[in-house]
C-alpha atoms as a PDB file:
ATOM      1  CA  MET A   1       6.540 -26.745   6.429  1.00  0.00           C
ATOM      2  CA  MET A   2       3.757 -26.241   8.958  1.00  0.00           C
ATOM      3  CA  ARG A   3       4.059 -22.476   8.600  1.00  0.00           C
ATOM      4  CA  PHE A   4       3.747 -22.759   4.815  1.00  0.00           C
ATOM      5  CA  LEU A   5       0.619 -24.916   5.143  1.00  0.00           C
ATOM      6  CA  LEU A   6      -0.966 -22.419   7.556  1.00  0.00           C
ATOM      7  CA  ILE A   7      -0.263 -19.529   5.176  1.00  0.00           C
ATOM      8  CA  ALA A   8      -1.658 -21.496   2.209  1.00  0.00           C
ATOM      9  CA  ALA A   9      -4.793 -22.355   4.205  1.00  0.00           C
ATOM     10  CA  ALA A  10      -5.280 -18.687   5.151  1.00  0.00           C
ATOM     11  CA  VAL A  11      -4.849 -17.578   1.528  1.00  0.00           C
ATOM     12  CA  ILE A  12      -7.447 -20.102   0.310  1.00  0.00           C
ATOM     13  CA  ALA A  13      -9.849 -19.275   3.154  1.00  0.00           C
ATOM     14  CA  ILE A  14      -9.707 -15.541   2.395  1.00  0.00           C
ATOM     15  CA  TYR A  15     -10.287 -16.277  -1.299  1.00  0.00           C
ATOM     16  CA  PHE A  16     -13.642 -17.939  -0.520  1.00  0.00           C
ATOM     17  CA  LEU A  17     -14.566 -15.986   2.631  1.00  0.00           C
ATOM     18  CA  PRO A  18     -16.493 -13.090   0.996  1.00  0.00           C
ATOM     19  CA  ALA A  19     -18.858 -15.477  -0.830  1.00  0.00           C
ATOM     20  CA  GLY A  20     -21.353 -15.123   2.018  1.00  0.00           C
ATOM     21  CA  LEU A  21     -21.131 -11.315   2.213  1.00  0.00           C
ATOM     22  CA  LYS A  22     -23.338  -8.700   0.620  1.00  0.00           C
ATOM     23  CA  ASN A  23     -21.926  -6.361  -2.023  1.00  0.00           C
ATOM     24  CA  TYR A  24     -20.825  -3.705   0.477  1.00  0.00           C
ATOM     25  CA  GLY A  25     -19.019  -6.303   2.584  1.00  0.00           C
ATOM     26  CA  ILE A  26     -17.248  -7.605  -0.509  1.00  0.00           C
ATOM     27  CA  TYR A  27     -16.293  -4.018  -1.391  1.00  0.00           C
ATOM     28  CA  ILE A  28     -14.725  -3.486   2.051  1.00  0.00           C
ATOM     29  CA  VAL A  29     -12.753  -6.729   1.869  1.00  0.00           C
ATOM     30  CA  THR A  30     -11.571  -5.817  -1.634  1.00  0.00           C
ATOM     31  CA  LEU A  31     -10.512  -2.387  -0.388  1.00  0.00           C
ATOM     32  CA  TRP A  32      -8.566  -4.131   2.379  1.00  0.00           C
ATOM     33  CA  SER A  33      -6.786  -6.222  -0.261  1.00  0.00           C
ATOM     34  CA  VAL A  34      -5.908  -3.076  -2.231  1.00  0.00           C
ATOM     35  CA  TYR A  35      -4.505  -1.450   0.912  1.00  0.00           C
ATOM     36  CA  VAL A  36      -2.403  -4.556   1.574  1.00  0.00           C
ATOM     37  CA  ILE A  37      -0.672  -4.151  -1.810  1.00  0.00           C
ATOM     38  CA  ALA A  38       0.073  -0.472  -1.159  1.00  0.00           C
ATOM     39  CA  GLY A  39       1.139  -1.316   2.397  1.00  0.00           C
ATOM     40  CA  MET A  40       3.632  -3.944   1.204  1.00  0.00           C
ATOM     41  CA  GLY A  41       5.378  -1.290  -0.854  1.00  0.00           C
ATOM     42  CA  LEU A  42       5.439   1.214   1.998  1.00  0.00           C
ATOM     43  CA  ASN A  43       6.655  -1.481   4.381  1.00  0.00           C
ATOM     44  CA  LEU A  44       9.616  -2.094   2.073  1.00  0.00           C
ATOM     45  CA  THR A  45      10.486   1.607   2.023  1.00  0.00           C
ATOM     46  CA  VAL A  46       9.883   2.311   5.716  1.00  0.00           C
ATOM     47  CA  GLY A  47      10.173  -1.011   7.523  1.00  0.00           C
ATOM     48  CA  TYR A  48      12.921  -2.778   5.597  1.00  0.00           C
ATOM     49  CA  ALA A  49      14.958   0.086   4.105  1.00  0.00           C
ATOM     50  CA  GLY A  50      14.415   2.534   6.975  1.00  0.00           C
ATOM     51  CA  GLN A  51      13.344   5.502   4.816  1.00  0.00           C
ATOM     52  CA  ILE A  52      10.455   7.634   6.075  1.00  0.00           C
ATOM     53  CA  SER A  53       7.777   8.315   3.458  1.00  0.00           C
ATOM     54  CA  LEU A  54       4.577  10.305   3.683  1.00  0.00           C
ATOM     55  CA  GLY A  55       3.912  10.183  -0.046  1.00  0.00           C
ATOM     56  CA  GLN A  56       2.488   6.705  -0.635  1.00  0.00           C
ATOM     57  CA  ALA A  57      -1.019   8.027  -1.369  1.00  0.00           C
ATOM     58  CA  ALA A  58       0.462  10.150  -4.158  1.00  0.00           C
ATOM     59  CA  PHE A  59       1.758   7.055  -5.929  1.00  0.00           C
ATOM     60  CA  TRP A  60      -1.573   5.372  -5.256  1.00  0.00           C
ATOM     61  CA  GLY A  61      -3.235   8.292  -7.031  1.00  0.00           C
ATOM     62  CA  ILE A  62      -0.776   8.255  -9.922  1.00  0.00           C
ATOM     63  CA  GLY A  63      -1.473   4.560 -10.435  1.00  0.00           C
ATOM     64  CA  ALA A  64      -5.237   5.071 -10.252  1.00  0.00           C
ATOM     65  CA  TYR A  65      -5.295   7.998 -12.680  1.00  0.00           C
ATOM     66  CA  THR A  66      -2.876   6.318 -15.092  1.00  0.00           C
ATOM     67  CA  THR A  67      -5.107   3.252 -15.189  1.00  0.00           C
ATOM     68  CA  ALA A  68      -8.287   5.284 -15.603  1.00  0.00           C
ATOM     69  CA  ILE A  69      -6.829   7.347 -18.456  1.00  0.00           C
ATOM     70  CA  ALA A  70      -5.396   4.258 -20.155  1.00  0.00           C
ATOM     71  CA  LEU A  71      -8.727   2.416 -19.947  1.00  0.00           C
ATOM     72  CA  LYS A  72     -10.521   5.485 -21.319  1.00  0.00           C
ATOM     73  CA  ALA A  73      -8.050   5.447 -24.218  1.00  0.00           C
ATOM     74  CA  GLY A  74      -9.028   1.852 -25.004  1.00  0.00           C
ATOM     75  CA  LEU A  75      -6.094  -0.032 -23.494  1.00  0.00           C
ATOM     76  CA  PRO A  76      -6.911  -3.319 -21.744  1.00  0.00           C
ATOM     77  CA  PHE A  77      -6.428  -3.569 -17.982  1.00  0.00           C
ATOM     78  CA  LEU A  78      -3.466  -5.942 -18.358  1.00  0.00           C
ATOM     79  CA  ALA A  79      -1.689  -3.205 -20.349  1.00  0.00           C
ATOM     80  CA  ALA A  80      -2.752  -0.355 -18.046  1.00  0.00           C
ATOM     81  CA  LEU A  81      -1.579  -2.190 -14.911  1.00  0.00           C
ATOM     82  CA  PRO A  82       2.143  -2.452 -15.799  1.00  0.00           C
ATOM     83  CA  LEU A  83       1.991   1.072 -17.234  1.00  0.00           C
ATOM     84  CA  ALA A  84       0.817   2.392 -13.857  1.00  0.00           C
ATOM     85  CA  ALA A  85       3.487   0.388 -12.020  1.00  0.00           C
ATOM     86  CA  LEU A  86       6.288   1.549 -14.335  1.00  0.00           C
ATOM     87  CA  LEU A  87       5.272   5.202 -14.133  1.00  0.00           C
ATOM     88  CA  CYS A  88       5.191   5.037 -10.334  1.00  0.00           C
ATOM     89  CA  PHE A  89       8.534   3.216 -10.333  1.00  0.00           C
ATOM     90  CA  GLY A  90      10.086   6.068 -12.339  1.00  0.00           C
ATOM     91  CA  VAL A  91       8.576   8.817 -10.188  1.00  0.00           C
ATOM     92  CA  GLY A  92       9.546   6.904  -7.031  1.00  0.00           C
ATOM     93  CA  LEU A  93      13.108   6.739  -8.305  1.00  0.00           C
ATOM     94  CA  LEU A  94      13.129  10.534  -8.591  1.00  0.00           C
ATOM     95  CA  LEU A  95      11.597  10.950  -5.136  1.00  0.00           C
ATOM     96  CA  GLY A  96      14.377   8.811  -3.712  1.00  0.00           C
ATOM     97  CA  PHE A  97      16.995  11.485  -4.471  1.00  0.00           C
ATOM     98  CA  PRO A  98      16.037  13.700  -1.495  1.00  0.00           C
ATOM     99  CA  ALA A  99      16.623  10.654   0.711  1.00  0.00           C
ATOM    100  CA  LEU A 100      20.275  10.730  -0.356  1.00  0.00           C
ATOM    101  CA  ARG A 101      20.702  14.122   1.309  1.00  0.00           C
ATOM    102  CA  VAL A 102      18.159  14.295   4.140  1.00  0.00           C
ATOM    103  CA  GLN A 103      16.913  11.780   6.684  1.00  0.00           C
ATOM    104  CA  HIS A 104      14.309  11.276   9.391  1.00  0.00           C
ATOM    105  CA  HIS A 105      11.792  14.123   9.811  1.00  0.00           C
ATOM    106  CA  TYR A 106      13.399  16.172   7.004  1.00  0.00           C
ATOM    107  CA  LEU A 107      12.734  13.319   4.589  1.00  0.00           C
ATOM    108  CA  ALA A 108       9.198  13.018   5.963  1.00  0.00           C
ATOM    109  CA  PHE A 109       8.578  16.677   5.112  1.00  0.00           C
ATOM    110  CA  ALA A 110      10.075  16.238   1.632  1.00  0.00           C
ATOM    111  CA  THR A 111       7.769  13.313   0.836  1.00  0.00           C
ATOM    112  CA  LEU A 112       4.851  15.165   2.408  1.00  0.00           C
ATOM    113  CA  GLY A 113       5.496  18.072   0.064  1.00  0.00           C
ATOM    114  CA  PHE A 114       5.548  15.659  -2.858  1.00  0.00           C
ATOM    115  CA  ASN A 115       2.153  14.264  -1.839  1.00  0.00           C
ATOM    116  CA  ILE A 116       0.695  17.776  -1.658  1.00  0.00           C
ATOM    117  CA  LEU A 117       2.155  18.594  -5.084  1.00  0.00           C
ATOM    118  CA  VAL A 118       0.610  15.508  -6.695  1.00  0.00           C
ATOM    119  CA  TYR A 119      -2.730  16.237  -5.018  1.00  0.00           C
ATOM    120  CA  LEU A 120      -2.721  19.796  -6.425  1.00  0.00           C
ATOM    121  CA  VAL A 121      -1.908  18.513  -9.907  1.00  0.00           C
ATOM    122  CA  LEU A 122      -4.756  15.989  -9.727  1.00  0.00           C
ATOM    123  CA  ARG A 123      -7.165  18.692  -8.571  1.00  0.00           C
ATOM    124  CA  ASN A 124      -6.142  21.529 -10.918  1.00  0.00           C
ATOM    125  CA  GLU A 125      -5.089  19.928 -14.215  1.00  0.00           C
ATOM    126  CA  ASP A 126      -8.607  19.474 -15.563  1.00  0.00           C
ATOM    127  CA  TRP A 127      -7.431  18.650 -19.089  1.00  0.00           C
ATOM    128  CA  LEU A 128      -5.753  15.491 -17.835  1.00  0.00           C
ATOM    129  CA  THR A 129      -7.412  14.441 -14.574  1.00  0.00           C
ATOM    130  CA  GLY A 130     -10.854  16.003 -14.788  1.00  0.00           C
ATOM    131  CA  GLY A 131      -9.985  18.216 -11.800  1.00  0.00           C
ATOM    132  CA  SER A 132     -12.454  18.161  -8.928  1.00  0.00           C
ATOM    133  CA  PHE A 133     -14.962  16.324 -11.131  1.00  0.00           C
ATOM    134  CA  GLY A 134     -12.564  13.410 -11.543  1.00  0.00           C
ATOM    135  CA  ILE A 135     -12.889  10.566 -14.036  1.00  0.00           C
ATOM    136  CA  ASN A 136     -16.046   8.452 -14.049  1.00  0.00           C
ATOM    137  CA  ASN A 137     -17.311   5.345 -15.816  1.00  0.00           C
ATOM    138  CA  ILE A 138     -13.972   3.582 -15.471  1.00  0.00           C
ATOM    139  CA  ALA A 139     -14.196   0.285 -17.322  1.00  0.00           C
ATOM    140  CA  GLU A 140     -14.231  -3.014 -15.479  1.00  0.00           C
ATOM    141  CA  PRO A 141     -11.108  -5.117 -16.055  1.00  0.00           C
ATOM    142  CA  THR A 142     -11.212  -7.701 -18.809  1.00  0.00           C
ATOM    143  CA  LEU A 143      -9.136 -10.866 -18.590  1.00  0.00           C
ATOM    144  CA  LEU A 144      -8.792 -13.015 -21.725  1.00  0.00           C
ATOM    145  CA  GLY A 145     -12.116 -11.706 -23.003  1.00  0.00           C
ATOM    146  CA  TRP A 146     -13.891 -12.199 -19.674  1.00  0.00           C
ATOM    147  CA  ARG A 147     -15.226  -9.004 -18.131  1.00  0.00           C
ATOM    148  CA  ILE A 148     -14.833  -9.097 -14.358  1.00  0.00           C
ATOM    149  CA  SER A 149     -18.043  -7.356 -13.343  1.00  0.00           C
ATOM    150  CA  ARG A 150     -19.370  -9.207 -10.277  1.00  0.00           C
ATOM    151  CA  PRO A 151     -18.039  -7.840  -6.949  1.00  0.00           C
ATOM    152  CA  LEU A 152     -17.027 -11.326  -5.772  1.00  0.00           C
ATOM    153  CA  ASP A 153     -15.148 -12.034  -9.007  1.00  0.00           C
ATOM    154  CA  PHE A 154     -13.320  -8.728  -8.733  1.00  0.00           C
ATOM    155  CA  PHE A 155     -12.350  -9.440  -5.127  1.00  0.00           C
ATOM    156  CA  GLN A 156     -10.956 -12.848  -6.072  1.00  0.00           C
ATOM    157  CA  PHE A 157      -9.066 -11.296  -8.978  1.00  0.00           C
ATOM    158  CA  THR A 158      -7.644  -8.633  -6.636  1.00  0.00           C
ATOM    159  CA  TRP A 159      -6.780 -11.210  -3.980  1.00  0.00           C
ATOM    160  CA  ILE A 160      -4.876 -13.341  -6.505  1.00  0.00           C
ATOM    161  CA  ALA A 161      -2.928 -10.216  -7.490  1.00  0.00           C
ATOM    162  CA  THR A 162      -2.283  -9.443  -3.806  1.00  0.00           C
ATOM    163  CA  VAL A 163      -0.913 -12.919  -3.180  1.00  0.00           C
ATOM    164  CA  ALA A 164       1.252 -12.681  -6.316  1.00  0.00           C
ATOM    165  CA  MET A 165       2.654  -9.332  -5.166  1.00  0.00           C
ATOM    166  CA  GLY A 166       3.278 -10.863  -1.749  1.00  0.00           C
ATOM    167  CA  VAL A 167       5.224 -13.757  -3.292  1.00  0.00           C
ATOM    168  CA  LEU A 168       7.334 -11.296  -5.305  1.00  0.00           C
ATOM    169  CA  MET A 169       8.021  -9.293  -2.141  1.00  0.00           C
ATOM    170  CA  ALA A 170       8.998 -12.442  -0.223  1.00  0.00           C
ATOM    171  CA  LEU A 171      11.437 -13.436  -2.979  1.00  0.00           C
ATOM    172  CA  LEU A 172      12.885  -9.919  -2.994  1.00  0.00           C
ATOM    173  CA  LEU A 173      13.386  -9.898   0.774  1.00  0.00           C
ATOM    174  CA  ARG A 174      15.096 -13.305   0.709  1.00  0.00           C
ATOM    175  CA  SER A 175      17.455 -12.170  -2.047  1.00  0.00           C
ATOM    176  CA  PRO A 176      20.743 -10.244  -1.578  1.00  0.00           C
ATOM    177  CA  TRP A 177      18.721  -7.094  -2.261  1.00  0.00           C
ATOM    178  CA  GLY A 178      16.591  -7.781   0.805  1.00  0.00           C
ATOM    179  CA  ARG A 179      19.671  -8.190   2.978  1.00  0.00           C
ATOM    180  CA  ALA A 180      21.062  -4.957   1.558  1.00  0.00           C
ATOM    181  CA  PHE A 181      17.832  -3.132   2.462  1.00  0.00           C
ATOM    182  CA  ALA A 182      18.076  -4.447   6.029  1.00  0.00           C
ATOM    183  CA  ALA A 183      21.700  -3.322   6.270  1.00  0.00           C
ATOM    184  CA  LEU A 184      20.732   0.115   4.975  1.00  0.00           C
ATOM    185  CA  ARG A 185      18.053   0.377   7.664  1.00  0.00           C
ATOM    186  CA  ASP A 186      20.217  -0.843  10.545  1.00  0.00           C
ATOM    187  CA  ASN A 187      23.383   1.136   9.877  1.00  0.00           C
ATOM    188  CA  PRO A 188      23.926   2.994   6.565  1.00  0.00           C
ATOM    189  CA  ILE A 189      27.563   3.813   7.369  1.00  0.00           C
ATOM    190  CA  ARG A 190      28.423   0.205   8.148  1.00  0.00           C
ATOM    191  CA  ALA A 191      26.518  -0.947   5.068  1.00  0.00           C
ATOM    192  CA  GLU A 192      28.569   1.374   2.876  1.00  0.00           C
ATOM    193  CA  SER A 193      31.795   0.247   4.546  1.00  0.00           C
ATOM    194  CA  VAL A 194      31.169  -3.380   3.526  1.00  0.00           C
ATOM    195  CA  GLY A 195      30.584  -2.454  -0.101  1.00  0.00           C
ATOM    196  CA  ILE A 196      26.800  -1.955  -0.279  1.00  0.00           C
ATOM    197  CA  ASP A 197      25.846   0.797  -2.707  1.00  0.00           C
ATOM    198  CA  THR A 198      23.592   2.790  -0.377  1.00  0.00           C
ATOM    199  CA  THR A 199      22.664   5.260  -3.125  1.00  0.00           C
ATOM    200  CA  PHE A 200      21.376   2.480  -5.380  1.00  0.00           C
ATOM    201  CA  TYR A 201      19.405   0.711  -2.654  1.00  0.00           C
ATOM    202  CA  THR A 202      17.885   3.922  -1.273  1.00  0.00           C
ATOM    203  CA  LEU A 203      16.563   4.824  -4.698  1.00  0.00           C
ATOM    204  CA  LEU A 204      15.413   1.262  -5.301  1.00  0.00           C
ATOM    205  CA  ALA A 205      13.495   1.160  -2.001  1.00  0.00           C
ATOM    206  CA  PHE A 206      11.466   4.202  -3.012  1.00  0.00           C
ATOM    207  CA  ALA A 207      10.982   2.996  -6.591  1.00  0.00           C
ATOM    208  CA  ILE A 208       9.735  -0.500  -5.713  1.00  0.00           C
ATOM    209  CA  GLY A 209       7.547   0.836  -2.903  1.00  0.00           C
ATOM    210  CA  ALA A 210       6.027   3.320  -5.346  1.00  0.00           C
ATOM    211  CA  ALA A 211       5.442   0.612  -7.968  1.00  0.00           C
ATOM    212  CA  TYR A 212       3.455  -1.416  -5.421  1.00  0.00           C
ATOM    213  CA  ALA A 213       1.321   1.647  -4.710  1.00  0.00           C
ATOM    214  CA  GLY A 214       0.796   2.066  -8.457  1.00  0.00           C
ATOM    215  CA  VAL A 215      -0.516  -1.493  -8.740  1.00  0.00           C
ATOM    216  CA  ALA A 216      -2.827  -0.848  -5.780  1.00  0.00           C
ATOM    217  CA  GLY A 217      -4.051   2.339  -7.459  1.00  0.00           C
ATOM    218  CA  ALA A 218      -4.881   0.437 -10.650  1.00  0.00           C
ATOM    219  CA  PHE A 219      -7.117  -1.981  -8.755  1.00  0.00           C
ATOM    220  CA  PHE A 220      -8.631   0.848  -6.707  1.00  0.00           C
ATOM    221  CA  ALA A 221      -9.662   2.732  -9.854  1.00  0.00           C
ATOM    222  CA  CYS A 222     -11.517  -0.309 -11.194  1.00  0.00           C
ATOM    223  CA  LEU A 223     -12.995  -1.078  -7.780  1.00  0.00           C
ATOM    224  CA  VAL A 224     -14.688   2.303  -7.327  1.00  0.00           C
ATOM    225  CA  GLY A 225     -15.334   3.088 -11.007  1.00  0.00           C
ATOM    226  CA  PHE A 226     -14.877   6.806 -10.305  1.00  0.00           C
ATOM    227  CA  ILE A 227     -11.828   8.660  -9.032  1.00  0.00           C
ATOM    228  CA  GLU A 228     -11.296  12.208  -7.869  1.00  0.00           C
ATOM    229  CA  PRO A 229      -8.401  13.767  -5.919  1.00  0.00           C
ATOM    230  CA  ALA A 230      -9.769  13.427  -2.348  1.00  0.00           C
ATOM    231  CA  PRO A 231      -8.684   9.799  -1.648  1.00  0.00           C
ATOM    232  CA  PHE A 232      -5.086  10.591  -2.588  1.00  0.00           C
ATOM    233  CA  GLY A 233      -4.343  13.342  -0.103  1.00  0.00           C
ATOM    234  CA  VAL A 234      -2.056  13.522   2.906  1.00  0.00           C
ATOM    235  CA  ASN A 235      -4.633  11.906   5.210  1.00  0.00           C
ATOM    236  CA  THR A 236      -4.452   8.701   3.208  1.00  0.00           C
ATOM    237  CA  SER A 237      -0.650   8.708   3.326  1.00  0.00           C
ATOM    238  CA  LEU A 238      -0.837   9.063   7.100  1.00  0.00           C
ATOM    239  CA  SER A 239      -3.338   6.192   7.252  1.00  0.00           C
ATOM    240  CA  MET A 240      -1.006   4.010   5.187  1.00  0.00           C
ATOM    241  CA  LEU A 241       1.939   4.831   7.439  1.00  0.00           C
ATOM    242  CA  LEU A 242      -0.234   4.055  10.463  1.00  0.00           C
ATOM    243  CA  MET A 243      -1.171   0.778   8.797  1.00  0.00           C
ATOM    244  CA  VAL A 244       2.473  -0.260   8.461  1.00  0.00           C
ATOM    245  CA  ILE A 245       3.438   0.799  11.983  1.00  0.00           C
ATOM    246  CA  ALA A 246       0.338  -0.639  13.665  1.00  0.00           C
ATOM    247  CA  GLY A 247       0.706  -3.984  11.916  1.00  0.00           C
ATOM    248  CA  GLY A 248       4.432  -4.220  12.529  1.00  0.00           C
ATOM    249  CA  SER A 249       6.994  -2.195  10.593  1.00  0.00           C
ATOM    250  CA  GLY A 250       9.590  -4.422   8.946  1.00  0.00           C
ATOM    251  CA  ARG A 251       7.473  -7.561   9.413  1.00  0.00           C
ATOM    252  CA  PHE A 252       6.213  -9.347   6.322  1.00  0.00           C
ATOM    253  CA  PHE A 253       2.585  -9.711   7.400  1.00  0.00           C
ATOM    254  CA  GLY A 254       2.482  -6.280   9.050  1.00  0.00           C
ATOM    255  CA  PRO A 255       0.647  -4.589   6.142  1.00  0.00           C
ATOM    256  CA  ALA A 256      -2.111  -7.244   6.116  1.00  0.00           C
ATOM    257  CA  ILE A 257      -2.734  -6.844   9.852  1.00  0.00           C
ATOM    258  CA  GLY A 258      -2.380  -3.072   9.683  1.00  0.00           C
ATOM    259  CA  ALA A 259      -4.846  -2.844   6.794  1.00  0.00           C
ATOM    260  CA  MET A 260      -7.381  -4.688   8.939  1.00  0.00           C
ATOM    261  CA  ILE A 261      -6.923  -2.041  11.618  1.00  0.00           C
ATOM    262  CA  VAL A 262      -7.229   0.896   9.210  1.00  0.00           C
ATOM    263  CA  VAL A 263      -9.935  -0.444   6.867  1.00  0.00           C
ATOM    264  CA  LEU A 264     -11.979  -3.074   8.690  1.00  0.00           C
ATOM    265  CA  ILE A 265     -12.082  -1.966  12.341  1.00  0.00           C
ATOM    266  CA  PRO A 266     -13.672   1.463  11.595  1.00  0.00           C
ATOM    267  CA  GLU A 267     -16.434  -0.403   9.751  1.00  0.00           C
ATOM    268  CA  TRP A 268     -16.986  -2.755  12.679  1.00  0.00           C
ATOM    269  CA  LEU A 269     -17.208   0.246  15.030  1.00  0.00           C
ATOM    270  CA  ARG A 270     -19.984   1.982  13.091  1.00  0.00           C
ATOM    271  CA  PHE A 271     -22.510   0.646  15.599  1.00  0.00           C
ATOM    272  CA  ALA A 272     -21.186   3.400  17.885  1.00  0.00           C
ATOM    273  CA  ALA A 273     -22.629   6.039  15.500  1.00  0.00           C
ATOM    274  CA  GLU A 274     -20.836   9.395  15.794  1.00  0.00           C
ATOM    275  CA  TRP A 275     -18.475   8.008  18.465  1.00  0.00           C
ATOM    276  CA  TYR A 276     -16.857   5.380  16.267  1.00  0.00           C
ATOM    277  CA  LEU A 277     -13.927   7.573  15.153  1.00  0.00           C
ATOM    278  CA  ALA A 278     -13.228   8.643  18.726  1.00  0.00           C
ATOM    279  CA  ILE A 279     -13.212   5.002  19.868  1.00  0.00           C
ATOM    280  CA  PHE A 280     -10.950   4.081  16.966  1.00  0.00           C
ATOM    281  CA  GLY A 281      -8.539   6.893  17.853  1.00  0.00           C
ATOM    282  CA  VAL A 282      -8.338   5.805  21.495  1.00  0.00           C
ATOM    283  CA  MET A 283      -7.715   2.210  20.413  1.00  0.00           C
ATOM    284  CA  ILE A 284      -4.815   3.301  18.203  1.00  0.00           C
ATOM    285  CA  VAL A 285      -3.252   5.444  20.971  1.00  0.00           C
ATOM    286  CA  VAL A 286      -3.500   2.614  23.521  1.00  0.00           C
ATOM    287  CA  MET A 287      -2.076   0.092  21.074  1.00  0.00           C
ATOM    288  CA  MET A 288       0.876   2.327  20.126  1.00  0.00           C
ATOM    289  CA  VAL A 289       1.697   2.955  23.775  1.00  0.00           C
ATOM    290  CA  TRP A 290       1.472  -0.708  24.761  1.00  0.00           C
ATOM    291  CA  LEU A 291       2.729  -2.208  21.472  1.00  0.00           C
ATOM    292  CA  PRO A 292       5.069   0.313  19.792  1.00  0.00           C
ATOM    293  CA  GLY A 293       6.344  -2.524  17.601  1.00  0.00           C
ATOM    294  CA  GLY A 294       2.876  -3.191  16.196  1.00  0.00           C
ATOM    295  CA  ILE A 295       0.409  -6.043  16.582  1.00  0.00           C
ATOM    296  CA  LEU A 296       2.896  -8.638  15.355  1.00  0.00           C
ATOM    297  CA  SER A 297       5.260  -7.759  18.213  1.00  0.00           C
ATOM    298  CA  LEU A 298       2.666  -9.092  20.703  1.00  0.00           C
ATOM    299  CA  PRO A 299       4.263 -12.566  21.079  1.00  0.00           C
ATOM    300  CA  GLU A 300       7.612 -10.950  21.894  1.00  0.00           C
ATOM    301  CA  ARG A 301       5.908  -8.633  24.349  1.00  0.00           C
ATOM    302  CA  LEU A 302       4.217 -11.567  26.098  1.00  0.00           C
ATOM    303  CA  ARG A 303       7.453 -13.559  26.251  1.00  0.00           C
ATOM    304  CA  GLY A 304       9.224 -10.543  27.748  1.00  0.00           C
ATOM    305  CA  ALA A 305       6.524 -10.218  30.420  1.00  0.00           C
ATOM    306  CA  LYS A 306       7.157 -13.744  31.727  1.00  0.00           C
END
């Protein structure tokens, strides 16, 4: 009960926290929230199901472009959002098939190739994506006739969606599906021997993880108002994987902590001018050496040191 009250207090505090920030600060916090949604999906695929993926940014891009195109076509945001999620779910299902045949670094290369393919499509198919010029003037989301135009309102809208996606993920992980994902991660052969359909759950891990990235992409498109291929390249996929690992792979709150590391800490280090990326890189290396299980493994590390 105490844990639930602490989580509820944190959720409410974050909802009101950006009220005292300027527009750029609100933008950064909103971007963090978007990354948390994408990170929850990747954490399911990598941390809970044990499947390596370097293609999360591709699904993020598919969700963003689907939303932008749908809004340009006159669809409301609440119609574009599930459309983006469903499309990513379907593509994620297809991407899961290589995971049935290859594992570990081979699967990483397969998903990496997928990310590169999607990036090339976004950059070269001008008739659909606008190519290098992208899609601009993306409409602000409208909810029951109310246009969400103020940065603070959009953050609160995004944060509510983030919490809702978190609740759905928690319910999933506490269900028999969640236990099946854990069994698939720990020992696929044993999981199959006790009757778990490893094919089904491998595909489902990729599909649900991709759908979460699609939802994140929908909010990202409306956040920035202009999208072009650059944010959806391999570098972003690597950042998202770093986010999951640094926060704590296979831990529920790992993506939230990891997104702080990837999104917020570089901003806080900008006082170091041109050295801020070097400092950030050193921090990540030191943390991974000392805490290979991520930030959320710190209590275990401290207990083990006693």
